[in-house]
Amino acid sequence: MLGMLFNEKECKELDYVLRKELDEMLLDLSDQRLDQNIRHAIANRYKTVFRMYARFAPQKELSKYAWGGRSSQIKH
């Protein structure tokens, strides 16, 4: 486990970076032109970044990025 301390400005920046990364990955996951293996790797990364974001995001914001049943779109 790794602990880090951030000031308020750094927390806002981290929030912004994680949200933008989640947005990009959702866009990529909806792109049917991408190979299934690539989409699967993106989905795994999405789960990791989402868990990071979930540690400090308000519930209202978190629900915007809840991937939910969309995982069924990725065939193994």
N, C-alpha and C. Protein backbone atom coordinates (compact mmCIF):
# COMPACT_ATOMS: atom_id res chain seq x y z
N MET A 1 0.84 -1.16 0.00
CA MET A 1 0.00 0.00 0.00
C MET A 1 0.90 1.23 0.00
N LEU A 2 0.45 2.25 -0.71
CA LEU A 2 1.21 3.49 -0.82
C LEU A 2 0.32 4.65 -0.38
N GLY A 3 0.83 5.51 0.45
CA GLY A 3 0.07 6.67 0.90
C GLY A 3 0.68 7.94 0.33
N MET A 4 -0.19 8.88 -0.01
CA MET A 4 0.28 10.16 -0.55
C MET A 4 -0.56 11.28 0.05
N LEU A 5 0.05 12.43 0.24
CA LEU A 5 -0.67 13.60 0.73
C LEU A 5 -0.74 14.63 -0.40
N PHE A 6 -1.93 15.17 -0.63
CA PHE A 6 -2.13 16.18 -1.66
C PHE A 6 -2.76 17.42 -1.04
N ASN A 7 -2.38 18.58 -1.55
CA ASN A 7 -3.10 19.77 -1.13
C ASN A 7 -4.37 19.88 -1.97
N GLU A 8 -5.21 20.89 -1.70
CA GLU A 8 -6.51 20.99 -2.38
C GLU A 8 -6.36 21.15 -3.89
N LYS A 9 -5.41 21.96 -4.31
CA LYS A 9 -5.18 22.17 -5.75
C LYS A 9 -4.77 20.87 -6.43
N GLU A 10 -3.90 20.12 -5.79
CA GLU A 10 -3.45 18.84 -6.36
C GLU A 10 -4.59 17.83 -6.41
N CYS A 11 -5.46 17.85 -5.41
CA CYS A 11 -6.63 16.94 -5.42
C CYS A 11 -7.55 17.27 -6.59
N LYS A 12 -7.77 18.54 -6.84
CA LYS A 12 -8.61 18.94 -7.96
C LYS A 12 -7.99 18.53 -9.28
N GLU A 13 -6.68 18.66 -9.39
CA GLU A 13 -5.99 18.26 -10.62
C GLU A 13 -6.07 16.75 -10.82
N LEU A 14 -5.88 15.99 -9.75
CA LEU A 14 -5.98 14.54 -9.86
C LEU A 14 -7.40 14.13 -10.25
N ASP A 15 -8.38 14.78 -9.66
CA ASP A 15 -9.77 14.52 -10.01
C ASP A 15 -10.00 14.76 -11.51
N TYR A 16 -9.50 15.88 -12.00
CA TYR A 16 -9.66 16.23 -13.42
C TYR A 16 -8.98 15.19 -14.32
N VAL A 17 -7.75 14.84 -13.99
CA VAL A 17 -6.99 13.88 -14.81
C VAL A 17 -7.70 12.52 -14.85
N LEU A 18 -8.15 12.06 -13.71
CA LEU A 18 -8.82 10.75 -13.68
C LEU A 18 -10.13 10.78 -14.45
N ARG A 19 -10.91 11.87 -14.31
CA ARG A 19 -12.17 11.96 -15.05
C ARG A 19 -11.93 11.98 -16.56
N LYS A 20 -10.93 12.70 -17.00
CA LYS A 20 -10.63 12.75 -18.43
C LYS A 20 -10.17 11.39 -18.93
N GLU A 21 -9.40 10.70 -18.13
CA GLU A 21 -8.94 9.37 -18.52
C GLU A 21 -10.12 8.40 -18.61
N LEU A 22 -11.03 8.47 -17.66
CA LEU A 22 -12.23 7.62 -17.70
C LEU A 22 -13.07 7.94 -18.93
N ASP A 23 -13.23 9.23 -19.24
CA ASP A 23 -13.97 9.62 -20.44
C ASP A 23 -13.35 9.03 -21.70
N GLU A 24 -12.05 9.13 -21.82
CA GLU A 24 -11.35 8.60 -23.00
C GLU A 24 -11.51 7.08 -23.11
N MET A 25 -11.40 6.40 -21.98
CA MET A 25 -11.53 4.94 -22.03
C MET A 25 -12.95 4.53 -22.38
N LEU A 26 -13.96 5.25 -21.88
CA LEU A 26 -15.34 4.94 -22.26
C LEU A 26 -15.55 5.14 -23.75
N LEU A 27 -14.96 6.18 -24.28
CA LEU A 27 -15.05 6.43 -25.72
C LEU A 27 -14.39 5.29 -26.50
N ASP A 28 -13.21 4.88 -26.07
CA ASP A 28 -12.51 3.78 -26.73
C ASP A 28 -13.29 2.48 -26.64
N LEU A 29 -13.90 2.23 -25.49
CA LEU A 29 -14.66 0.99 -25.32
C LEU A 29 -15.89 0.94 -26.22
N SER A 30 -16.40 2.09 -26.59
CA SER A 30 -17.58 2.12 -27.47
C SER A 30 -17.19 2.03 -28.94
N ASP A 31 -15.90 2.08 -29.24
CA ASP A 31 -15.42 2.02 -30.63
C ASP A 31 -15.33 0.56 -31.09
N GLN A 32 -16.26 0.17 -31.92
CA GLN A 32 -16.33 -1.22 -32.38
C GLN A 32 -15.19 -1.59 -33.33
N ARG A 33 -14.45 -0.61 -33.81
CA ARG A 33 -13.34 -0.89 -34.72
C ARG A 33 -12.13 -1.48 -34.00
N LEU A 34 -12.06 -1.27 -32.69
CA LEU A 34 -10.93 -1.78 -31.93
C LEU A 34 -11.03 -3.29 -31.75
N ASP A 35 -9.91 -3.93 -31.78
CA ASP A 35 -9.81 -5.37 -31.57
C ASP A 35 -10.31 -5.74 -30.17
N GLN A 36 -10.92 -6.90 -30.04
CA GLN A 36 -11.45 -7.34 -28.76
C GLN A 36 -10.38 -7.40 -27.68
N ASN A 37 -9.17 -7.83 -28.04
CA ASN A 37 -8.10 -7.90 -27.04
C ASN A 37 -7.75 -6.51 -26.52
N ILE A 38 -7.73 -5.54 -27.41
CA ILE A 38 -7.45 -4.16 -27.02
C ILE A 38 -8.57 -3.64 -26.11
N ARG A 39 -9.80 -3.89 -26.50
CA ARG A 39 -10.94 -3.43 -25.70
C ARG A 39 -10.95 -4.10 -24.32
N HIS A 40 -10.54 -5.35 -24.27
CA HIS A 40 -10.47 -6.05 -22.99
C HIS A 40 -9.40 -5.42 -22.09
N ALA A 41 -8.25 -5.09 -22.67
CA ALA A 41 -7.18 -4.44 -21.90
C ALA A 41 -7.64 -3.07 -21.40
N ILE A 42 -8.36 -2.32 -22.23
CA ILE A 42 -8.88 -1.02 -21.82
C ILE A 42 -9.89 -1.20 -20.69
N ALA A 43 -10.72 -2.20 -20.79
CA ALA A 43 -11.72 -2.46 -19.74
C ALA A 43 -11.05 -2.77 -18.40
N ASN A 44 -9.99 -3.54 -18.43
CA ASN A 44 -9.26 -3.84 -17.19
C ASN A 44 -8.64 -2.58 -16.60
N ARG A 45 -8.08 -1.75 -17.45
CA ARG A 45 -7.49 -0.49 -17.00
C ARG A 45 -8.57 0.44 -16.46
N TYR A 46 -9.73 0.45 -17.11
CA TYR A 46 -10.84 1.28 -16.66
C TYR A 46 -11.22 0.94 -15.23
N LYS A 47 -11.30 -0.36 -14.94
CA LYS A 47 -11.66 -0.79 -13.59
C LYS A 47 -10.67 -0.26 -12.55
N THR A 48 -9.39 -0.30 -12.88
CA THR A 48 -8.36 0.19 -11.96
C THR A 48 -8.48 1.69 -11.74
N VAL A 49 -8.60 2.46 -12.83
CA VAL A 49 -8.70 3.91 -12.71
C VAL A 49 -10.00 4.31 -12.00
N PHE A 50 -11.08 3.58 -12.28
CA PHE A 50 -12.35 3.86 -11.63
C PHE A 50 -12.24 3.66 -10.12
N ARG A 51 -11.57 2.61 -9.69
CA ARG A 51 -11.39 2.37 -8.26
C ARG A 51 -10.57 3.49 -7.62
N MET A 52 -9.58 3.99 -8.34
CA MET A 52 -8.80 5.12 -7.84
C MET A 52 -9.69 6.35 -7.67
N TYR A 53 -10.49 6.62 -8.68
CA TYR A 53 -11.39 7.77 -8.66
C TYR A 53 -12.44 7.63 -7.57
N ALA A 54 -12.89 6.42 -7.36
CA ALA A 54 -13.95 6.15 -6.37
C ALA A 54 -13.50 6.42 -4.94
N ARG A 55 -12.22 6.49 -4.70
CA ARG A 55 -11.73 6.72 -3.33
C ARG A 55 -12.03 8.12 -2.83
N PHE A 56 -12.20 9.07 -3.73
CA PHE A 56 -12.43 10.43 -3.26
C PHE A 56 -13.55 11.18 -3.99
N ALA A 57 -14.13 10.59 -5.00
CA ALA A 57 -15.18 11.28 -5.77
C ALA A 57 -16.51 11.23 -5.02
N PRO A 58 -17.28 12.30 -5.13
CA PRO A 58 -18.63 12.28 -4.54
C PRO A 58 -19.50 11.24 -5.26
N GLN A 59 -20.45 10.67 -4.55
CA GLN A 59 -21.30 9.62 -5.12
C GLN A 59 -21.99 10.08 -6.39
N LYS A 60 -22.43 11.33 -6.41
CA LYS A 60 -23.12 11.86 -7.59
C LYS A 60 -22.20 11.84 -8.82
N GLU A 61 -20.96 12.23 -8.62
CA GLU A 61 -19.99 12.21 -9.72
C GLU A 61 -19.62 10.78 -10.10
N LEU A 62 -19.50 9.95 -9.10
CA LEU A 62 -19.09 8.57 -9.32
C LEU A 62 -20.09 7.82 -10.20
N SER A 63 -21.37 8.11 -10.01
CA SER A 63 -22.39 7.41 -10.78
C SER A 63 -22.30 7.70 -12.28
N LYS A 64 -21.72 8.83 -12.64
CA LYS A 64 -21.54 9.17 -14.06
C LYS A 64 -20.57 8.21 -14.75
N TYR A 65 -19.67 7.63 -13.97
CA TYR A 65 -18.64 6.77 -14.55
C TYR A 65 -18.83 5.30 -14.21
N ALA A 66 -19.91 4.97 -13.54
CA ALA A 66 -20.18 3.56 -13.24
C ALA A 66 -20.43 2.83 -14.54
N TRP A 67 -19.61 1.88 -14.83
CA TRP A 67 -19.65 1.19 -16.12
C TRP A 67 -20.78 0.18 -16.16
N GLY A 68 -21.06 -0.44 -15.05
CA GLY A 68 -22.21 -1.35 -14.92
C GLY A 68 -22.24 -2.47 -15.94
N GLY A 69 -23.39 -2.63 -16.59
CA GLY A 69 -23.63 -3.74 -17.50
C GLY A 69 -22.94 -3.65 -18.83
N ARG A 70 -22.24 -2.57 -19.05
CA ARG A 70 -21.57 -2.42 -20.35
C ARG A 70 -20.46 -3.45 -20.55
N SER A 71 -20.02 -4.07 -19.47
CA SER A 71 -18.95 -5.07 -19.60
C SER A 71 -19.38 -6.24 -20.46
N SER A 72 -20.69 -6.44 -20.61
CA SER A 72 -21.17 -7.54 -21.43
C SER A 72 -20.90 -7.29 -22.91
N GLN A 73 -20.58 -6.06 -23.28
CA GLN A 73 -20.27 -5.75 -24.66
C GLN A 73 -18.92 -6.31 -25.08
N ILE A 74 -18.07 -6.56 -24.12
CA ILE A 74 -16.74 -7.07 -24.41
C ILE A 74 -16.77 -8.58 -24.32
N LYS A 75 -16.58 -9.22 -25.42
CA LYS A 75 -16.62 -10.68 -25.46
C LYS A 75 -15.24 -11.23 -25.20
N HIS A 76 -15.17 -12.25 -24.40
CA HIS A 76 -13.88 -12.86 -24.03
C HIS A 76 -13.54 -13.95 -25.00
